[in-house]
């Protein structure tokens, strides 16, 4: 029988070494929670400890949820992955791409290839992550509630950084994917996710726009200050949510670690939750964790992203390809993602295993903490 004493010992060090105010960690194996450790403070200044019931802004750990929801819609026959985006959202029919010339001049030219739905999943559509672009600012000024599809249509006015399908760039692709899902399902994105993921799995503490009592329970936010070497308390807001009606596919979910663990456990069982509810087929889970990037795009995926060495990028997740230089102990096929405040999901269906780690500190040292957690777990559960 395995023991997790080494993992508990390591996790306790992040409070001191990485200055994380508090954390929570769950390991699931064969559908059962086999490890749970919570330590540190929710509110360090007022000595309020972590209880394990906190809600979190999970930021980009929302992306796997958005992609699973979109794949669920594909399973329902709503669309095909190779279809152009403009077939569904006409504003993307006339996209322009930045074109750089030998004399240093930049012009905007019509795209040669349309954005395809698969490009949204794989972050190869050409978008950037500029949340304060003129198009977004103008759309929010016009309607401060910022309905998802209105903002997505506004983003279509921004020029692309490269030809769709040719490169990888972290971007608002999954926010646009959320708007696309609204079109093909006829439902608000948050309502669709609730119906096909949250409710079937019993994720009753997960939201895109949490009520006040839930907001009050969101873990205190901190940001690591590299000058002082200490975490600093910051305002409890999510700047990636532009308004009360904006369902951010890329960063909008508020949840608890226990709720998110239900989602992770379902992926670890090829789409079937611990309660027997199926949210995705085995075929779609395998598609989710299939690398989508060319060698050139893979180079962009790893440059400046220490966590991505030996990984490819699938449908909203990094997916383990090979070991070697800069690698970890995860087996090929392990997949997951993380968030700007330190949230982590790591899943290996072949081992029936999932790891979920939560904290609430921006500039969170993910590139140090997450691989160490995964290494320890994968030498325990072989």
Protein backbone atom coordinates (compact mmCIF):
# COMPACT_ATOMS: atom_id res chain seq x y z
CA UNK A 1 0.00 0.00 0.00
CA UNK A 2 1.43 3.36 -0.97
CA UNK A 3 2.04 6.18 1.48
CA UNK A 4 1.98 9.90 0.76
CA UNK A 5 4.22 11.11 3.60
CA UNK A 6 6.77 12.46 1.08
CA UNK A 7 4.08 14.51 -0.68
CA UNK A 8 2.77 15.92 2.59
CA UNK A 9 6.30 16.82 3.63
CA UNK A 10 7.00 18.59 0.34
CA UNK A 11 3.71 20.50 0.34
CA UNK A 12 4.45 21.90 3.78
CA UNK A 13 7.70 23.36 2.45
CA UNK A 14 5.92 25.56 -0.12
CA UNK A 15 4.59 27.71 2.74
CA UNK A 16 8.17 28.69 3.54
CA UNK A 17 10.19 28.24 0.35
CA UNK A 18 7.65 29.57 -2.14
CA UNK A 19 5.87 31.90 0.30
CA UNK A 20 2.46 30.44 -0.56
CA UNK A 21 -0.01 31.63 2.13
CA UNK A 22 -2.09 28.44 2.01
CA UNK A 23 -2.88 25.42 -0.16
CA UNK A 24 -5.07 22.35 -0.58
CA UNK A 25 -4.23 19.17 -2.49
CA UNK A 26 -6.21 16.07 -3.48
CA UNK A 27 -5.00 12.88 -5.17
CA UNK A 28 -7.52 10.49 -6.74
CA UNK A 29 -6.75 6.90 -7.71
CA UNK A 30 -9.21 4.43 -9.18
CA UNK A 31 -12.14 6.70 -8.39
CA UNK A 32 -11.23 7.21 -4.71
CA UNK A 33 -9.62 10.08 -2.86
CA UNK A 34 -6.37 8.58 -1.55
CA UNK A 35 -4.71 11.76 -0.29
CA UNK A 36 -5.82 15.16 1.01
CA UNK A 37 -3.68 17.77 2.70
CA UNK A 38 -4.62 21.33 3.56
CA UNK A 39 -2.34 23.81 5.32
CA UNK A 40 -1.54 27.49 5.77
CA UNK A 41 -3.84 30.46 5.79
CA UNK A 42 -6.82 31.65 3.79
CA UNK A 43 -6.25 35.09 5.32
CA UNK A 44 -2.69 35.33 6.58
CA UNK A 45 -2.99 38.81 8.07
CA UNK A 46 -5.95 37.82 10.24
CA UNK A 47 -4.70 34.29 11.04
CA UNK A 48 -7.67 32.61 9.37
CA UNK A 49 -6.57 29.07 8.44
CA UNK A 50 -7.50 27.12 5.32
CA UNK A 51 -10.51 24.91 5.97
CA UNK A 52 -10.75 22.98 2.70
CA UNK A 53 -14.12 24.56 1.88
CA UNK A 54 -12.81 27.71 0.21
CA UNK A 55 -13.89 28.84 -3.24
CA UNK A 56 -11.17 29.83 -5.70
CA UNK A 57 -10.71 31.87 -8.80
CA UNK A 58 -9.11 29.10 -10.84
CA UNK A 59 -8.33 31.35 -13.82
CA UNK A 60 -6.90 29.26 -16.70
CA UNK A 61 -7.74 25.97 -15.00
CA UNK A 62 -11.17 26.91 -16.41
CA UNK A 63 -9.88 26.05 -19.89
CA UNK A 64 -10.17 22.25 -19.61
CA UNK A 65 -13.80 22.70 -18.50
CA UNK A 66 -14.54 24.88 -21.52
CA UNK A 67 -12.91 22.41 -23.89
CA UNK A 68 -14.73 19.42 -22.40
CA UNK A 69 -18.03 21.29 -22.78
CA UNK A 70 -17.22 22.15 -26.40
CA UNK A 71 -16.25 18.53 -27.16
CA UNK A 72 -19.52 17.43 -25.57
CA UNK A 73 -21.33 19.66 -28.08
CA UNK A 74 -19.36 18.01 -30.88
CA UNK A 75 -20.49 14.61 -29.61
CA UNK A 76 -24.05 15.88 -29.92
CA UNK A 77 -23.47 16.53 -33.63
CA UNK A 78 -23.49 20.32 -33.32
CA UNK A 79 -20.40 20.90 -35.50
CA UNK A 80 -17.22 19.41 -36.97
CA UNK A 81 -13.75 20.39 -35.83
CA UNK A 82 -12.46 21.29 -39.31
CA UNK A 83 -15.32 23.67 -40.11
CA UNK A 84 -14.61 27.42 -40.41
CA UNK A 85 -15.56 29.59 -37.45
CA UNK A 86 -17.23 32.13 -39.73
CA UNK A 87 -19.87 29.58 -40.72
CA UNK A 88 -21.25 30.02 -37.21
CA UNK A 89 -20.16 33.57 -36.31
CA UNK A 90 -20.18 35.65 -39.47
CA UNK A 91 -18.07 38.44 -38.00
CA UNK A 92 -15.02 36.19 -38.45
CA UNK A 93 -15.50 35.95 -42.22
CA UNK A 94 -13.24 38.90 -42.99
CA UNK A 95 -10.36 38.50 -40.54
CA UNK A 96 -7.15 40.40 -41.21
CA UNK A 97 -3.66 39.24 -40.29
CA UNK A 98 -0.62 41.36 -39.44
CA UNK A 99 1.87 41.05 -42.28
CA UNK A 100 5.47 42.24 -41.88
CA UNK A 101 7.51 43.28 -44.91
CA UNK A 102 11.25 43.45 -45.56
CA UNK A 103 11.26 47.24 -45.21
CA UNK A 104 9.90 46.91 -41.67
CA UNK A 105 6.39 48.00 -42.63
CA UNK A 106 3.40 46.16 -41.16
CA UNK A 107 0.18 45.94 -43.10
CA UNK A 108 -3.11 44.17 -42.47
CA UNK A 109 -3.96 41.62 -45.12
CA UNK A 110 -6.92 39.24 -45.55
CA UNK A 111 -6.21 35.80 -44.07
CA UNK A 112 -5.32 33.08 -46.57
CA UNK A 113 -6.98 30.38 -44.49
CA UNK A 114 -10.08 30.71 -42.32
CA UNK A 115 -9.99 30.08 -38.58
CA UNK A 116 -11.25 26.56 -37.99
CA UNK A 117 -12.98 25.35 -34.82
CA UNK A 118 -10.01 23.10 -34.04
CA UNK A 119 -7.77 26.20 -34.04
CA UNK A 120 -9.73 27.57 -31.09
CA UNK A 121 -9.11 24.43 -29.06
CA UNK A 122 -5.40 24.33 -29.89
CA UNK A 123 -4.58 28.06 -29.51
CA UNK A 124 -3.49 28.23 -33.16
CA UNK A 125 -6.09 30.73 -34.42
CA UNK A 126 -3.84 33.81 -34.32
CA UNK A 127 -5.47 35.68 -31.44
CA UNK A 128 -3.62 37.29 -28.53
CA UNK A 129 -4.48 37.71 -24.84
CA UNK A 130 -5.05 41.46 -24.92
CA UNK A 131 -8.03 41.89 -22.61
CA UNK A 132 -7.89 45.68 -22.98
CA UNK A 133 -7.98 45.90 -26.78
CA UNK A 134 -9.97 48.76 -28.28
CA UNK A 135 -12.62 46.38 -29.61
CA UNK A 136 -13.22 44.87 -26.16
CA UNK A 137 -13.17 48.25 -24.42
CA UNK A 138 -15.65 49.71 -26.89
CA UNK A 139 -17.98 46.71 -26.57
CA UNK A 140 -17.94 46.85 -22.76
CA UNK A 141 -18.53 50.61 -22.81
CA UNK A 142 -21.55 50.04 -25.05
CA UNK A 143 -22.94 47.26 -22.82
CA UNK A 144 -21.27 46.97 -19.38
CA UNK A 145 -22.91 43.58 -18.78
CA UNK A 146 -20.68 42.32 -21.59
CA UNK A 147 -22.70 39.35 -22.92
CA UNK A 148 -20.30 36.65 -24.05
CA UNK A 149 -21.27 36.56 -27.71
CA UNK A 150 -21.20 40.37 -28.03
CA UNK A 151 -17.62 40.48 -26.79
CA UNK A 152 -16.61 37.55 -29.01
CA UNK A 153 -18.03 39.30 -32.06
CA UNK A 154 -16.11 42.44 -31.08
CA UNK A 155 -12.84 40.50 -30.88
CA UNK A 156 -13.34 39.62 -34.57
CA UNK A 157 -12.41 43.24 -35.35
CA UNK A 158 -8.89 42.77 -33.96
CA UNK A 159 -6.16 41.70 -36.42
CA UNK A 160 -4.62 38.27 -36.02
CA UNK A 161 -0.94 37.91 -35.15
CA UNK A 162 -0.41 35.08 -37.66
CA UNK A 163 -2.15 32.93 -40.24
CA UNK A 164 -4.62 30.54 -38.57
CA UNK A 165 -3.27 27.06 -38.01
CA UNK A 166 0.41 27.94 -38.50
CA UNK A 167 1.65 28.83 -34.99
CA UNK A 168 0.78 28.53 -31.28
CA UNK A 169 0.05 31.50 -29.04
CA UNK A 170 -1.66 31.62 -25.66
CA UNK A 171 -4.73 33.73 -26.22
CA UNK A 172 -8.44 34.37 -25.85
CA UNK A 173 -9.18 31.33 -28.04
CA UNK A 174 -11.18 29.55 -25.34
CA UNK A 175 -13.25 32.66 -24.61
CA UNK A 176 -14.13 32.69 -28.29
CA UNK A 177 -14.83 28.96 -28.05
CA UNK A 178 -17.38 29.76 -25.32
CA UNK A 179 -19.18 32.15 -27.65
CA UNK A 180 -19.12 29.53 -30.39
CA UNK A 181 -20.70 26.97 -28.03
CA UNK A 182 -23.49 29.46 -27.31
CA UNK A 183 -24.24 29.66 -31.03
CA UNK A 184 -24.26 25.92 -31.75
CA UNK A 185 -26.20 24.94 -28.61
CA UNK A 186 -28.57 27.90 -28.37
CA UNK A 187 -27.76 28.21 -24.64
CA UNK A 188 -25.71 30.64 -22.61
CA UNK A 189 -22.30 29.08 -22.14
CA UNK A 190 -22.57 29.03 -18.34
CA UNK A 191 -25.96 27.31 -18.58
CA UNK A 192 -24.63 24.71 -21.00
CA UNK A 193 -21.61 23.92 -18.80
CA UNK A 194 -23.89 23.63 -15.80
CA UNK A 195 -26.22 21.25 -17.64
CA UNK A 196 -23.62 18.94 -19.20
CA UNK A 197 -20.79 19.03 -16.61
CA UNK A 198 -21.59 20.62 -13.26
CA UNK A 199 -25.03 19.10 -12.62
CA UNK A 200 -24.24 15.55 -13.84
CA UNK A 201 -21.11 15.41 -11.67
CA UNK A 202 -22.77 17.00 -8.63
CA UNK A 203 -20.51 20.08 -8.83
CA UNK A 204 -22.93 22.20 -6.83
CA UNK A 205 -20.28 24.71 -5.70
CA UNK A 206 -19.07 25.72 -9.18
CA UNK A 207 -20.06 28.94 -10.94
CA UNK A 208 -19.23 31.45 -13.64
CA UNK A 209 -20.94 34.28 -11.77
CA UNK A 210 -21.07 33.32 -8.09
CA UNK A 211 -23.75 34.70 -5.73
CA UNK A 212 -22.60 37.04 -2.98
CA UNK A 213 -22.36 34.38 -0.29
CA UNK A 214 -20.00 32.39 -2.53
CA UNK A 215 -18.00 35.48 -3.46
CA UNK A 216 -17.52 36.19 0.23
CA UNK A 217 -16.03 32.71 0.61
CA UNK A 218 -13.49 33.10 -2.21
CA UNK A 219 -10.03 32.55 -0.82
CA UNK A 220 -8.13 35.77 -0.09
CA UNK A 221 -6.00 36.73 -3.08
CA UNK A 222 -2.29 37.47 -2.90
CA UNK A 223 0.42 38.38 -5.38
CA UNK A 224 4.07 37.47 -4.98
CA UNK A 225 6.26 40.58 -4.76
CA UNK A 226 9.66 39.82 -6.26
CA UNK A 227 11.19 42.90 -4.62
CA UNK A 228 10.25 41.98 -1.05
CA UNK A 229 10.15 38.22 -1.62
CA UNK A 230 6.78 38.08 0.14
CA UNK A 231 3.13 37.69 -0.86
CA UNK A 232 1.06 40.87 -0.86
CA UNK A 233 -2.68 40.94 -0.35
CA UNK A 234 -4.54 42.16 -3.45
CA UNK A 235 -8.14 42.91 -4.37
CA UNK A 236 -10.39 39.88 -4.75
CA UNK A 237 -11.35 40.35 -8.40
CA UNK A 238 -11.02 38.47 -11.70
CA UNK A 239 -10.04 40.92 -14.44
CA UNK A 240 -10.73 38.33 -17.15
CA UNK A 241 -14.48 38.58 -16.54
CA UNK A 242 -15.58 41.73 -18.36
CA UNK A 243 -19.13 41.97 -17.05
CA UNK A 244 -22.01 40.23 -15.28
CA UNK A 245 -23.01 38.36 -18.45
CA UNK A 246 -19.54 37.42 -19.68
CA UNK A 247 -18.90 33.69 -19.32
CA UNK A 248 -15.15 33.50 -19.76
CA UNK A 249 -14.30 30.08 -21.16
CA UNK A 250 -10.64 30.73 -20.51
CA UNK A 251 -10.68 32.04 -16.96
CA UNK A 252 -14.19 32.40 -15.55
CA UNK A 253 -14.87 29.48 -13.20
CA UNK A 254 -15.15 29.87 -9.42
CA UNK A 255 -15.13 26.52 -7.62
CA UNK A 256 -13.91 24.52 -4.63
CA UNK A 257 -11.13 21.96 -4.80
CA UNK A 258 -13.62 19.23 -3.84
CA UNK A 259 -15.88 20.17 -6.75
CA UNK A 260 -13.03 20.41 -9.23
CA UNK A 261 -11.77 17.03 -8.06
CA UNK A 262 -15.08 15.55 -9.28
CA UNK A 263 -14.29 16.91 -12.75
CA UNK A 264 -10.71 15.60 -12.60
CA UNK A 265 -11.90 12.19 -11.42
CA UNK A 266 -14.27 11.96 -14.39
CA UNK A 267 -11.44 12.64 -16.84
CA UNK A 268 -9.27 10.07 -15.04
CA UNK A 269 -12.03 7.52 -15.68
CA UNK A 270 -12.27 8.36 -19.40
CA UNK A 271 -15.23 10.69 -18.94
CA UNK A 272 -17.24 8.94 -16.22
CA UNK A 273 -17.70 10.61 -12.84
CA UNK A 274 -17.51 8.86 -9.49
CA UNK A 275 -21.31 8.95 -9.40
CA UNK A 276 -21.52 7.12 -12.73
CA UNK A 277 -22.44 10.16 -14.82
CA UNK A 278 -20.68 10.32 -18.18
CA UNK A 279 -19.68 13.81 -19.36
CA UNK A 280 -17.49 12.76 -22.28
CA UNK A 281 -16.72 9.62 -24.27
CA UNK A 282 -13.44 7.74 -24.02
CA UNK A 283 -12.76 8.70 -27.64
CA UNK A 284 -13.11 12.40 -26.81
CA UNK A 285 -10.88 12.13 -23.73
CA UNK A 286 -8.22 10.56 -25.93
CA UNK A 287 -8.70 13.33 -28.49
CA UNK A 288 -8.40 15.91 -25.69
CA UNK A 289 -4.93 14.61 -24.81
CA UNK A 290 -3.62 14.28 -28.37
CA UNK A 291 -0.92 16.73 -29.43
CA UNK A 292 -2.17 19.14 -32.10
CA UNK A 293 1.00 21.13 -32.76
CA UNK A 294 3.57 21.00 -35.55
CA UNK A 295 7.30 20.92 -34.60
CA UNK A 296 7.51 24.68 -35.22
CA UNK A 297 4.49 25.41 -33.05
CA UNK A 298 5.82 23.03 -30.37
CA UNK A 299 8.92 25.19 -30.16
CA UNK A 300 6.74 28.22 -29.42
CA UNK A 301 4.79 26.19 -26.86
CA UNK A 302 7.94 25.39 -24.88
CA UNK A 303 9.84 28.67 -25.29
CA UNK A 304 9.45 30.57 -22.03
CA UNK A 305 7.14 27.88 -20.63
CA UNK A 306 9.27 25.70 -18.35
CA UNK A 307 6.29 23.47 -17.51
CA UNK A 308 5.87 22.53 -21.16
CA UNK A 309 9.14 20.73 -21.89
CA UNK A 310 8.43 17.23 -23.23
CA UNK A 311 4.76 18.15 -23.61
CA UNK A 312 2.56 18.89 -26.57
CA UNK A 313 -0.69 20.85 -26.58
CA UNK A 314 -3.99 19.08 -27.07
CA UNK A 315 -7.51 20.44 -26.73
CA UNK A 316 -6.96 22.99 -23.97
CA UNK A 317 -4.37 20.93 -22.07
CA UNK A 318 -0.64 20.20 -22.11
CA UNK A 319 -0.21 16.53 -22.90
CA UNK A 320 2.88 14.46 -22.07
CA UNK A 321 4.68 13.17 -25.15
CA UNK A 322 8.19 12.01 -24.23
CA UNK A 323 10.68 12.16 -21.40
CA UNK A 324 14.23 13.44 -21.62
CA UNK A 325 15.77 16.83 -21.05
CA UNK A 326 13.62 18.93 -18.75
CA UNK A 327 11.11 16.12 -18.37
CA UNK A 328 9.23 14.79 -15.37
CA UNK A 329 8.06 11.42 -14.09
CA UNK A 330 4.64 11.59 -15.74
CA UNK A 331 3.96 8.90 -18.32
CA UNK A 332 3.05 9.77 -21.92
CA UNK A 333 -0.65 10.57 -22.08
CA UNK A 334 -0.79 12.47 -18.78
CA UNK A 335 -2.47 15.82 -19.34
CA UNK A 336 -3.67 18.94 -17.55
CA UNK A 337 -3.29 22.67 -17.11
CA UNK A 338 -2.95 25.30 -14.39
CA UNK A 339 -4.10 28.76 -13.39
CA UNK A 340 -2.64 32.20 -12.73
CA UNK A 341 -3.04 31.86 -8.96
CA UNK A 342 -1.53 28.37 -8.74
CA UNK A 343 -4.41 25.96 -9.37
CA UNK A 344 -3.39 22.66 -11.01
CA UNK A 345 -5.11 19.69 -12.66
CA UNK A 346 -3.05 16.67 -13.73
CA UNK A 347 -4.79 13.57 -15.10
CA UNK A 348 -3.63 10.16 -16.32
CA UNK A 349 -6.55 7.92 -17.33
CA UNK A 350 -4.18 5.03 -17.98
CA UNK A 351 -3.34 5.03 -14.26
CA UNK A 352 -6.88 6.09 -13.28
CA UNK A 353 -5.20 8.93 -11.43
CA UNK A 354 -5.73 12.65 -10.99
CA UNK A 355 -4.09 15.38 -8.92
CA UNK A 356 -5.74 18.68 -8.03
CA UNK A 357 -3.80 21.39 -6.21
CA UNK A 358 -5.21 24.76 -5.12
CA UNK A 359 -3.70 27.98 -3.85
CA UNK A 360 -4.49 31.66 -4.30
CA UNK A 361 -1.30 33.59 -5.06
CA UNK A 362 -0.71 35.35 -8.38
CA UNK A 363 2.81 34.92 -9.82
CA UNK A 364 2.48 31.53 -8.16
CA UNK A 365 5.73 29.66 -9.02
CA UNK A 366 3.78 27.03 -10.95
CA UNK A 367 6.93 26.01 -12.82
CA UNK A 368 8.49 24.91 -9.51
CA UNK A 369 5.60 23.62 -7.41
CA UNK A 370 3.55 21.72 -9.97
CA UNK A 371 6.27 19.51 -11.50
CA UNK A 372 7.50 18.58 -8.01
CA UNK A 373 3.99 17.55 -6.96
CA UNK A 374 3.56 15.48 -10.13
CA UNK A 375 6.99 13.84 -9.70
CA UNK A 376 6.23 12.80 -6.14
CA UNK A 377 2.78 11.43 -6.96
CA UNK A 378 4.03 9.51 -9.99
CA UNK A 379 6.77 7.77 -8.05
CA UNK A 380 4.19 6.76 -5.45
CA UNK A 381 1.53 5.56 -7.89
CA UNK A 382 3.44 3.68 -10.61
